[in-house]
Protein backbone atom coordinates (compact mmCIF):
# COMPACT_ATOMS: atom_id res chain seq x y z
CA MET A 1 34.21 -58.26 152.85
CA ALA A 2 37.14 -57.17 154.95
CA SER A 3 37.04 -53.67 156.31
CA THR A 4 39.04 -51.08 154.40
CA LYS A 5 38.44 -48.29 156.86
CA THR A 6 41.50 -46.08 157.29
CA PRO A 7 42.56 -44.62 160.62
CA PRO A 8 41.88 -40.99 161.43
CA VAL A 9 44.27 -38.50 159.89
CA THR A 10 45.16 -37.16 163.33
CA GLN A 11 46.48 -40.54 164.39
CA ALA A 12 48.73 -40.83 161.34
CA ALA A 13 49.93 -37.26 161.83
CA GLU A 14 50.93 -37.94 165.43
CA ASP A 15 52.99 -40.97 164.41
CA ARG A 16 54.86 -39.22 161.62
CA PRO A 17 58.55 -38.48 162.20
CA THR A 18 59.64 -34.98 163.13
CA ALA A 19 60.91 -32.66 160.43
CA GLY A 20 64.45 -33.43 161.56
CA ARG A 21 64.01 -37.15 160.90
CA SER A 22 62.13 -36.80 157.61
CA TRP A 23 65.37 -36.53 155.64
CA PHE A 24 66.50 -39.88 157.06
CA VAL A 25 63.33 -41.56 155.81
CA VAL A 26 63.71 -40.08 152.31
CA VAL A 27 67.45 -40.77 152.05
CA SER A 28 67.09 -44.35 153.29
CA LEU A 29 64.25 -45.16 150.90
CA SER A 30 66.00 -43.38 148.02
CA ILE A 31 69.11 -45.53 148.52
CA ALA A 32 66.91 -48.62 148.56
CA ALA A 33 64.99 -47.59 145.44
CA ALA A 34 68.17 -46.63 143.56
CA THR A 35 69.79 -49.96 144.44
CA ALA A 36 66.73 -51.80 143.16
CA THR A 37 66.94 -49.85 139.90
CA ILE A 38 70.70 -50.31 139.47
CA GLN A 39 70.23 -54.07 139.16
CA GLN A 40 68.06 -53.55 136.06
CA SER A 41 70.71 -51.78 133.99
CA ALA A 42 73.96 -53.09 135.48
CA VAL A 43 73.59 -56.42 133.66
CA LEU A 44 73.11 -54.94 130.17
CA PRO A 45 76.76 -53.98 129.41
CA LEU A 46 77.91 -57.33 130.82
CA LEU A 47 75.81 -59.55 128.53
CA PRO A 48 78.80 -60.38 126.26
CA ARG A 49 80.82 -61.43 129.31
CA LEU A 50 77.96 -63.54 130.60
CA GLN A 51 77.76 -65.28 127.24
CA GLN A 52 81.48 -66.04 127.36
CA SER A 53 81.68 -67.05 131.02
CA LEU A 54 78.58 -69.24 131.02
CA HIS A 55 79.08 -70.67 127.51
CA ALA A 56 75.56 -69.63 126.43
CA SER A 57 74.05 -68.18 123.27
CA VAL A 58 73.17 -64.50 122.86
CA THR A 59 69.45 -65.30 122.94
CA SER A 60 69.80 -67.36 126.12
CA VAL A 61 71.91 -64.76 127.92
CA SER A 62 69.44 -61.97 127.01
CA TRP A 63 67.03 -63.63 129.44
CA ALA A 64 69.26 -62.40 132.25
CA PHE A 65 67.79 -58.97 131.49
CA THR A 66 64.34 -59.93 130.20
CA ILE A 67 63.40 -62.20 133.11
CA SER A 68 64.16 -59.42 135.58
CA MET A 69 61.77 -57.04 133.84
CA LEU A 70 59.08 -59.72 133.58
CA CYS A 71 59.26 -60.47 137.30
CA GLY A 72 59.32 -56.77 138.13
CA ALA A 73 56.19 -56.16 136.08
CA ILE A 74 54.37 -58.92 137.92
CA ALA A 75 55.67 -58.07 141.40
CA THR A 76 54.99 -54.34 141.25
CA PRO A 77 51.17 -54.33 141.53
CA LEU A 78 51.12 -57.52 143.62
CA LEU A 79 53.47 -56.35 146.39
CA SER A 80 51.94 -52.88 146.34
CA ARG A 81 48.55 -54.41 147.10
CA PHE A 82 50.11 -56.61 149.78
CA SER A 83 51.63 -53.52 151.39
CA ASP A 84 48.13 -52.18 151.99
CA MET A 85 46.97 -55.55 153.31
CA TYR A 86 49.92 -56.53 155.51
CA GLY A 87 51.92 -53.34 156.08
CA ARG A 88 54.41 -51.33 154.04
CA ARG A 89 57.40 -52.06 156.28
CA LYS A 90 57.03 -55.83 155.91
CA MET A 91 56.83 -55.61 152.11
CA LEU A 92 59.76 -53.20 151.88
CA LEU A 93 61.98 -55.49 153.94
CA LEU A 94 60.77 -58.57 152.05
CA THR A 95 61.59 -56.94 148.72
CA LEU A 96 65.05 -55.88 149.87
CA GLY A 97 65.70 -59.29 151.39
CA LEU A 98 64.95 -60.94 148.04
CA LEU A 99 67.29 -58.44 146.36
CA VAL A 100 70.08 -59.40 148.76
CA ALA A 101 69.43 -63.11 148.15
CA GLY A 102 69.33 -62.66 144.37
CA SER A 103 72.58 -60.68 144.38
CA VAL A 104 74.38 -63.34 146.40
CA VAL A 105 73.08 -66.13 144.16
CA GLY A 106 74.25 -64.15 141.11
CA ALA A 107 77.68 -63.62 142.67
CA VAL A 108 78.22 -67.36 143.20
CA SER A 109 76.46 -68.50 140.01
CA THR A 110 78.27 -70.98 137.79
CA SER A 111 75.54 -71.68 135.22
CA LEU A 112 72.92 -69.79 133.24
CA SER A 113 70.06 -71.48 135.10
CA MET A 114 71.53 -70.36 138.43
CA LEU A 115 71.94 -66.83 137.10
CA ILE A 116 68.31 -66.79 135.91
CA VAL A 117 67.18 -67.72 139.44
CA ALA A 118 69.25 -64.80 140.74
CA ARG A 119 67.67 -62.41 138.26
CA VAL A 120 64.16 -63.59 139.18
CA LEU A 121 64.83 -62.74 142.83
CA GLN A 122 66.42 -59.41 141.90
CA GLY A 123 63.61 -58.51 139.50
CA ILE A 124 61.02 -58.49 142.28
CA SER A 125 62.75 -55.38 143.64
CA ALA A 126 61.13 -53.35 140.83
CA ALA A 127 58.26 -52.93 143.31
CA MET A 128 60.57 -50.87 145.54
CA ILE A 129 59.69 -47.41 144.16
CA PRO A 130 55.89 -47.61 144.59
CA LEU A 131 56.33 -49.22 148.02
CA ALA A 132 58.69 -46.42 149.03
CA ILE A 133 56.34 -43.73 147.73
CA GLY A 134 53.51 -45.24 149.77
CA ALA A 135 55.70 -45.18 152.88
CA VAL A 136 56.74 -41.57 152.28
CA ARG A 137 53.14 -40.45 151.91
CA ASP A 138 52.32 -42.13 155.21
CA LEU A 139 55.33 -40.85 157.14
CA LEU A 140 56.28 -37.38 155.92
CA PRO A 141 54.55 -34.15 156.97
CA PRO A 142 52.45 -32.58 154.19
CA GLU A 143 54.94 -29.78 153.48
CA LYS A 144 57.73 -32.29 152.73
CA MET A 145 55.67 -34.95 150.96
CA ALA A 146 55.99 -33.61 147.39
CA SER A 147 59.77 -33.29 147.70
CA GLY A 148 60.08 -36.81 149.08
CA ILE A 149 57.93 -38.32 146.34
CA GLY A 150 59.84 -36.35 143.70
CA ILE A 151 63.21 -37.65 144.85
CA LEU A 152 61.96 -41.23 144.97
CA SER A 153 60.38 -40.96 141.52
CA ALA A 154 63.66 -39.71 140.05
CA THR A 155 65.63 -42.67 141.43
CA MET A 156 64.56 -44.76 138.44
CA GLY A 157 66.65 -42.73 136.02
CA ILE A 158 69.41 -42.20 138.57
CA GLY A 159 69.67 -45.93 139.21
CA VAL A 160 69.77 -46.78 135.51
CA GLY A 161 72.66 -44.37 134.97
CA LEU A 162 74.56 -45.60 138.02
CA GLY A 163 74.06 -49.17 136.83
CA PHE A 164 75.86 -48.38 133.58
CA LEU A 165 78.67 -46.65 135.49
CA LEU A 166 79.05 -49.59 137.86
CA SER A 167 79.30 -52.03 134.96
CA GLY A 168 81.74 -49.68 133.21
CA VAL A 169 84.10 -49.62 136.16
CA ILE A 170 83.89 -53.41 136.53
CA ALA A 171 84.53 -53.86 132.80
CA GLU A 172 87.51 -51.51 132.98
CA TYR A 173 89.29 -53.18 135.87
CA SER A 174 88.20 -56.83 135.84
CA SER A 175 87.45 -59.63 133.41
CA GLY A 176 84.42 -61.25 135.07
CA TYR A 177 80.88 -60.33 136.03
CA ARG A 178 80.54 -61.55 139.64
CA SER A 179 81.95 -58.36 141.16
CA VAL A 180 78.81 -56.49 140.09
CA PHE A 181 76.62 -58.91 142.03
CA TRP A 182 78.81 -58.76 145.14
CA ILE A 183 78.61 -54.95 145.08
CA LEU A 184 74.82 -55.14 144.66
CA ALA A 185 74.65 -57.56 147.58
CA ALA A 186 76.54 -55.12 149.81
CA MET A 187 74.46 -52.15 148.69
CA SER A 188 71.15 -53.95 149.15
CA THR A 189 72.22 -55.18 152.61
CA ALA A 190 73.00 -51.62 153.65
CA ALA A 191 69.68 -50.45 152.18
CA THR A 192 67.84 -53.13 154.16
CA VAL A 193 69.40 -51.97 157.43
CA LEU A 194 68.63 -48.31 156.70
CA THR A 195 65.04 -49.08 155.75
CA ALA A 196 64.53 -51.16 158.89
CA LEU A 197 65.73 -48.20 160.98
CA ALA A 198 63.84 -45.51 159.09
CA VAL A 199 60.42 -46.98 158.29
CA ARG A 200 57.57 -47.99 160.53
CA ASP A 201 53.88 -48.49 159.82
CA VAL A 202 51.68 -45.65 161.03
CA ARG A 203 48.49 -47.10 159.56
CA PRO A 204 47.20 -50.50 160.60
CA PRO A 205 47.08 -52.99 157.71
CA THR A 206 43.69 -53.21 156.02
CA GLY A 207 43.84 -57.01 155.99
CA GLY A 208 41.77 -58.98 153.53
CA ARG A 209 42.28 -61.95 151.26
CA PRO A 210 44.82 -62.03 148.42
CA ASP A 211 43.22 -61.78 144.99
CA LEU A 212 44.97 -64.84 143.56
CA PRO A 213 42.87 -65.14 140.36
CA GLY A 214 43.54 -61.48 139.60
CA ALA A 215 47.26 -61.90 140.27
CA ILE A 216 47.50 -64.95 138.01
CA LEU A 217 45.62 -63.28 135.15
CA LEU A 218 47.64 -60.07 135.45
CA ALA A 219 50.90 -62.03 135.58
CA GLY A 220 49.89 -64.06 132.53
CA SER A 221 48.95 -61.01 130.48
CA LEU A 222 52.18 -59.20 131.37
CA VAL A 223 54.31 -62.25 130.64
CA CYS A 224 52.66 -62.60 127.21
CA LEU A 225 53.06 -58.89 126.44
CA LEU A 226 56.66 -58.46 127.57
CA LEU A 227 57.76 -61.82 126.23
CA GLY A 228 56.29 -60.90 122.85
CA ILE A 229 58.03 -57.52 122.91
CA SER A 230 61.39 -58.92 124.01
CA GLN A 231 61.40 -61.82 121.55
CA GLY A 232 59.81 -60.05 118.59
CA LYS A 233 63.12 -59.45 116.87
CA SER A 234 64.44 -63.02 117.20
CA TRP A 235 61.16 -64.86 116.55
CA GLY A 236 59.86 -62.48 113.88
CA TRP A 237 57.15 -59.90 114.55
CA SER A 238 54.69 -61.62 112.21
CA SER A 239 55.44 -65.16 113.42
CA ALA A 240 52.69 -67.30 114.89
CA GLY A 241 54.44 -67.36 118.26
CA ILE A 242 54.61 -63.56 118.63
CA LEU A 243 51.08 -62.98 117.31
CA GLY A 244 49.85 -65.70 119.66
CA LEU A 245 51.55 -64.02 122.63
CA PHE A 246 50.01 -60.65 121.83
CA ALA A 247 46.59 -62.24 121.33
CA GLY A 248 47.02 -64.07 124.63
CA ALA A 249 47.90 -60.79 126.36
CA VAL A 250 44.70 -59.17 125.07
CA VAL A 251 42.53 -62.12 126.12
CA LEU A 252 44.10 -62.41 129.57
CA VAL A 253 43.96 -58.70 130.34
CA THR A 254 40.30 -58.65 129.28
CA LEU A 255 39.55 -61.55 131.62
CA TRP A 256 41.54 -59.77 134.33
CA VAL A 257 39.40 -56.64 134.05
CA VAL A 258 36.21 -58.73 134.24
CA VAL A 259 37.46 -60.62 137.30
CA GLU A 260 38.69 -57.46 139.07
CA ARG A 261 35.33 -55.73 138.59
CA ARG A 262 33.54 -58.68 140.20
CA THR A 263 35.97 -59.26 143.07
CA ALA A 264 35.14 -57.76 146.46
CA GLU A 265 38.82 -57.11 147.25
CA PRO A 266 40.58 -56.78 143.87
CA LEU A 267 44.31 -56.69 143.34
CA VAL A 268 43.89 -53.36 141.54
CA ASP A 269 40.85 -51.11 141.66
CA ILE A 270 39.92 -50.84 137.97
CA SER A 271 37.89 -47.70 138.58
CA MET A 272 41.04 -46.04 139.92
CA ILE A 273 43.00 -46.95 136.78
CA THR A 274 40.36 -45.47 134.50
CA HIS A 275 39.73 -42.44 136.72
CA ARG A 276 40.64 -39.20 134.98
CA GLY A 277 42.85 -38.27 137.92
CA THR A 278 45.25 -41.19 137.34
CA VAL A 279 45.00 -42.28 133.71
CA GLY A 280 46.84 -39.21 132.44
CA ALA A 281 49.79 -39.88 134.75
CA SER A 282 49.93 -43.53 133.65
CA LEU A 283 49.96 -42.69 129.94
CA ALA A 284 52.57 -39.97 130.38
CA SER A 285 54.67 -42.33 132.51
CA MET A 286 54.66 -45.00 129.81
CA LEU A 287 55.75 -42.54 127.12
CA LEU A 288 58.46 -41.00 129.31
CA GLY A 289 59.66 -44.48 130.28
CA PHE A 290 60.05 -45.18 126.57
CA ALA A 291 62.11 -42.01 126.07
CA LEU A 292 64.37 -42.64 129.07
CA PHE A 293 65.15 -46.26 128.24
CA ALA A 294 65.53 -45.42 124.56
CA GLY A 295 68.13 -42.82 125.48
CA PHE A 296 69.96 -45.15 127.87
CA THR A 297 69.92 -47.94 125.29
CA LEU A 298 70.80 -45.96 122.16
CA MET A 299 73.40 -43.57 123.53
CA PRO A 300 75.88 -46.23 124.82
CA ASN A 301 75.59 -48.16 121.55
CA PHE A 302 76.21 -45.02 119.53
CA VAL A 303 79.27 -43.78 121.45
CA GLN A 304 80.84 -47.27 121.53
CA THR A 305 80.62 -47.61 117.74
CA PRO A 306 84.14 -47.44 116.19
CA LYS A 307 84.90 -44.16 114.43
CA GLN A 308 85.92 -46.07 111.30
CA VAL A 309 82.29 -46.66 110.29
CA GLY A 310 81.71 -42.91 109.89
CA TYR A 311 80.15 -42.03 113.24
CA GLY A 312 80.53 -42.90 116.91
CA PHE A 313 83.44 -42.34 119.29
CA GLY A 314 84.86 -45.81 119.97
CA ALA A 315 84.21 -45.33 123.68
CA SER A 316 84.64 -48.06 126.29
CA VAL A 317 81.79 -49.27 128.53
CA LEU A 318 83.02 -46.88 131.22
CA GLY A 319 83.26 -44.07 128.68
CA ALA A 320 79.66 -44.70 127.65
CA GLY A 321 78.62 -44.43 131.28
CA ILE A 322 80.44 -41.09 131.57
CA PHE A 323 78.52 -39.75 128.57
CA LEU A 324 75.33 -40.53 130.51
CA LEU A 325 76.61 -38.96 133.74
CA PRO A 326 74.90 -35.56 133.13
CA THR A 327 71.53 -37.33 132.93
CA THR A 328 72.11 -39.20 136.17
CA LEU A 329 73.37 -36.17 138.11
CA LEU A 330 70.71 -33.78 136.85
CA MET A 331 67.89 -36.19 137.67
CA LEU A 332 69.18 -36.20 141.24
CA VAL A 333 69.56 -32.41 141.41
CA VAL A 334 66.21 -31.62 139.79
CA SER A 335 64.36 -34.05 142.05
CA THR A 336 65.51 -32.18 145.18
CA PHE A 337 63.70 -29.04 143.99
CA ALA A 338 60.60 -30.85 142.75
CA GLY A 339 58.58 -30.42 145.94
CA GLY A 340 58.69 -26.62 145.88
CA LEU A 341 58.03 -26.54 142.15
CA VAL A 342 55.00 -28.84 142.46
CA ARG A 343 53.48 -26.64 145.14
CA ARG A 344 53.92 -23.61 142.91
CA TYR A 345 53.17 -24.84 139.40
CA SER A 346 51.23 -28.15 139.79
CA ALA A 347 52.52 -31.61 138.99
CA SER A 348 50.83 -31.90 135.59
CA ASN A 349 52.34 -28.64 134.33
CA LEU A 350 55.81 -29.75 135.40
CA VAL A 351 55.37 -33.12 133.67
CA ALA A 352 54.38 -31.29 130.50
CA ALA A 353 57.32 -28.87 130.73
CA GLY A 354 59.80 -31.65 131.46
CA SER A 355 58.49 -33.67 128.52
CA VAL A 356 59.13 -30.75 126.17
CA VAL A 357 62.74 -30.52 127.39
CA ALA A 358 63.15 -34.29 126.97
CA ALA A 359 61.87 -33.96 123.40
CA ALA A 360 64.51 -31.28 122.81
CA SER A 361 67.16 -33.80 123.89
CA SER A 362 66.15 -36.32 121.24
CA LEU A 363 65.78 -33.67 118.54
CA TRP A 364 69.21 -32.23 119.40
CA PHE A 365 70.76 -35.65 118.83
CA VAL A 366 69.01 -35.97 115.46
CA ALA A 367 70.37 -32.57 114.40
CA ARG A 368 73.86 -32.75 115.98
CA HIS A 369 75.86 -35.82 117.02
CA ASP A 370 79.31 -35.42 115.44
CA HIS A 371 81.18 -34.14 118.50
CA SER A 372 81.34 -35.28 122.10
CA TYR A 373 79.92 -31.96 123.33
CA ASP A 374 76.83 -32.58 121.19
CA LEU A 375 76.20 -35.78 123.13
CA TYR A 376 76.74 -34.01 126.45
CA VAL A 377 74.14 -31.39 125.47
CA ALA A 378 71.68 -34.17 124.61
CA THR A 379 72.25 -36.07 127.86
CA THR A 380 72.03 -32.82 129.85
CA LEU A 381 68.66 -31.99 128.31
CA LEU A 382 67.50 -35.57 128.89
CA GLY A 383 68.42 -35.34 132.57
CA LEU A 384 66.64 -32.00 133.01
CA GLY A 385 63.54 -33.08 131.14
CA VAL A 386 63.03 -36.62 132.37
CA GLY A 387 64.22 -35.70 135.87
CA LEU A 388 61.61 -32.95 136.18
CA SER A 389 58.88 -35.10 134.65
CA PHE A 390 59.55 -38.20 136.75
CA ALA A 391 59.82 -36.17 139.95
CA ALA A 392 56.43 -34.58 139.29
CA LEU A 393 54.84 -37.81 138.01
CA GLY A 394 55.13 -39.34 141.47
CA THR A 395 52.82 -36.63 142.80
CA MET A 396 50.57 -36.54 139.72
CA ALA A 397 49.94 -40.29 140.07
CA VAL A 398 48.74 -40.16 143.69
CA GLU A 399 47.40 -36.67 144.35
CA HIS A 400 43.84 -37.62 143.36
CA VAL A 401 43.57 -40.95 145.20
CA GLU A 402 42.86 -41.88 148.81
CA PRO A 403 45.94 -42.31 151.04
CA SER A 404 45.10 -46.01 151.50
CA LYS A 405 45.45 -46.52 147.73
CA THR A 406 48.70 -44.62 147.29
CA ALA A 407 50.85 -47.73 146.88
CA VAL A 408 48.52 -49.21 144.25
CA ALA A 409 48.39 -45.94 142.30
CA SER A 410 52.18 -45.67 142.44
CA ALA A 411 52.45 -49.30 141.36
CA VAL A 412 50.31 -48.66 138.27
CA ASN A 413 52.50 -45.67 137.45
CA SER A 414 55.71 -47.66 137.90
CA LEU A 415 54.29 -50.52 135.86
CA SER A 416 53.51 -48.08 133.05
CA ARG A 417 57.12 -46.89 133.04
CA LEU A 418 58.34 -50.48 133.04
CA VAL A 419 56.17 -51.38 130.06
CA GLY A 420 57.31 -48.23 128.23
CA GLY A 421 60.94 -49.10 128.92
CA SER A 422 60.42 -52.67 127.72
CA ILE A 423 58.88 -51.46 124.48
CA ALA A 424 61.78 -49.03 124.02
CA GLY A 425 64.40 -51.73 124.41
CA SER A 426 62.77 -54.05 121.90
CA ALA A 427 61.70 -51.37 119.43
CA THR A 428 65.08 -49.66 119.25
CA ALA A 429 66.86 -53.02 118.92
CA ALA A 430 64.57 -53.93 116.02
CA LEU A 431 65.16 -50.57 114.32
CA LEU A 432 68.93 -50.79 114.67
CA ALA A 433 68.99 -54.37 113.40
CA SER A 434 66.82 -53.61 110.36
CA ASP A 435 68.87 -50.65 109.08
CA THR A 436 72.56 -51.59 108.91
CA ILE A 437 75.60 -50.55 106.92
CA LYS A 438 75.86 -52.74 103.83
CA GLY A 439 77.85 -55.92 104.42
CA THR A 440 77.94 -55.43 108.21
CA GLN A 441 75.71 -55.72 111.25
CA VAL A 442 76.51 -52.15 112.31
CA PRO A 443 73.44 -49.86 112.38
CA THR A 444 73.41 -46.81 110.12
CA VAL A 445 73.29 -43.34 111.59
CA HIS A 446 69.84 -43.07 109.97
CA ALA A 447 68.64 -45.89 112.26
CA TYR A 448 69.69 -43.88 115.30
CA ASN A 449 68.04 -40.73 113.97
CA THR A 450 64.81 -42.64 113.38
CA SER A 451 64.87 -44.08 116.90
CA PHE A 452 65.48 -40.69 118.53
CA SER A 453 62.76 -39.12 116.39
CA ILE A 454 60.28 -41.69 117.68
CA ALA A 455 61.41 -40.97 121.24
CA ALA A 456 60.85 -37.25 120.64
CA ALA A 457 57.34 -37.91 119.31
CA CYS A 458 56.56 -39.98 122.41
CA VAL A 459 57.54 -37.30 124.90
CA ILE A 460 55.77 -34.58 122.94
CA LEU A 461 52.64 -36.71 123.21
CA ALA A 462 53.34 -37.11 126.94
CA ALA A 463 53.46 -33.31 127.27
CA VAL A 464 50.08 -32.97 125.56
CA ILE A 465 48.52 -35.69 127.73
CA ALA A 466 49.86 -34.17 130.95
CA ALA A 467 48.62 -30.70 130.02
CA VAL A 468 45.16 -31.93 129.01
CA PHE A 469 44.60 -34.11 132.06
CA GLY A 470 46.00 -31.42 134.31
CA ARG A 471 43.38 -29.04 132.99
CA LEU A 472 40.62 -31.63 133.40
CA ASN A 473 41.60 -32.26 137.02
CA ARG A 474 42.06 -28.63 137.94
CA LYS A 475 40.10 -27.77 141.06
CA PRO A 476 37.59 -24.94 140.51
CA ALA A 477 38.46 -21.68 142.20
CA ARG A 478 36.30 -20.77 145.18
């Protein structure tokens, strides 16, 4: 068995940047993480254009989004484990390099198959947030660590919102889709340079052998799960194909757990996943991921609905992005204060409080959605609630694990959010498609109310889970 001994704390402390340089580390990694997240949402508003430009069906073009999430789900735990084995800096630069390559391929793509290759390369960048959190925990002094992790954790929501805005601007002033990929290529190149300048490894790699059987089984189970979720609407939730995929996911994940428990150097330490110090953060992250992606999926659809059907605002793609601007800005603002709040109130309490505010956002929409200011209130509450929760979740996920396992713990947390977001996208699409105005394919306002009610229930449950696990993990007073 390869040694997993970590270097003395004093050595890591000596190699950490000074307080004056800490901001550069956080800003550089935040730009990289936000860029990696932007690519997830920037494609969504452009799907109709992709269908037209590439002469493909709606189902085929939807893979431009689905394949990115599938690859991200697989890459997140794998690259996080590799960062412990081979060094965080190498994995960060590799991830960003693949994002640059994928963006360039997307910008010059002339066929759907070429675009899918681009999205596979881009999707791997979903591992960026846990890799960055691991680097921040290694590099920053203790008094700045919570703030740094909070800002990085919030970049998921910030990036999603900026992705919609980017697509909105492109849709407003151009007729194609390639400009988005060229902009992503430029942003990811700049992020690569900044990361190369800001990050260095202060802990020697642990080494070891890659857990290939574990990686294959985990990849297979995630592919089955997310493919089943993403295709449930088109294939039919009770069809043999969907039921077979879900059954396959259960079988493969069971085999994965068995293999990981018997492997000397597993891809993911199963005991860490089931530990009471991390499982609460993972469950809350999945539920909050559902609420965030539900909001970012439902709100643009709602505001772009023509007023003639009895609701909606007939907004453009750019207008829809502007409606979501309060969420994006507040997630950024709240994350900057997260460090001080975590030190004062504890991460689990802040996750619980933020979840309650996020629930208020969904419930506000259910009660009031007739005027534009109603939507701005809802997106403001969503930004406050999810921003606070995500910023604190980054700390909640890693505060009870060894420093050498930070990246893996962050990866599990990010993976939970990714799965929650995937479920949100498919579930809300199914709800909207099943409850339409008679004689049309336009969803009823009742369908939106039902979807937001489910989102509210999810974040209320997240609040309960965070509060309970926070109490269980509370250190006894001395």
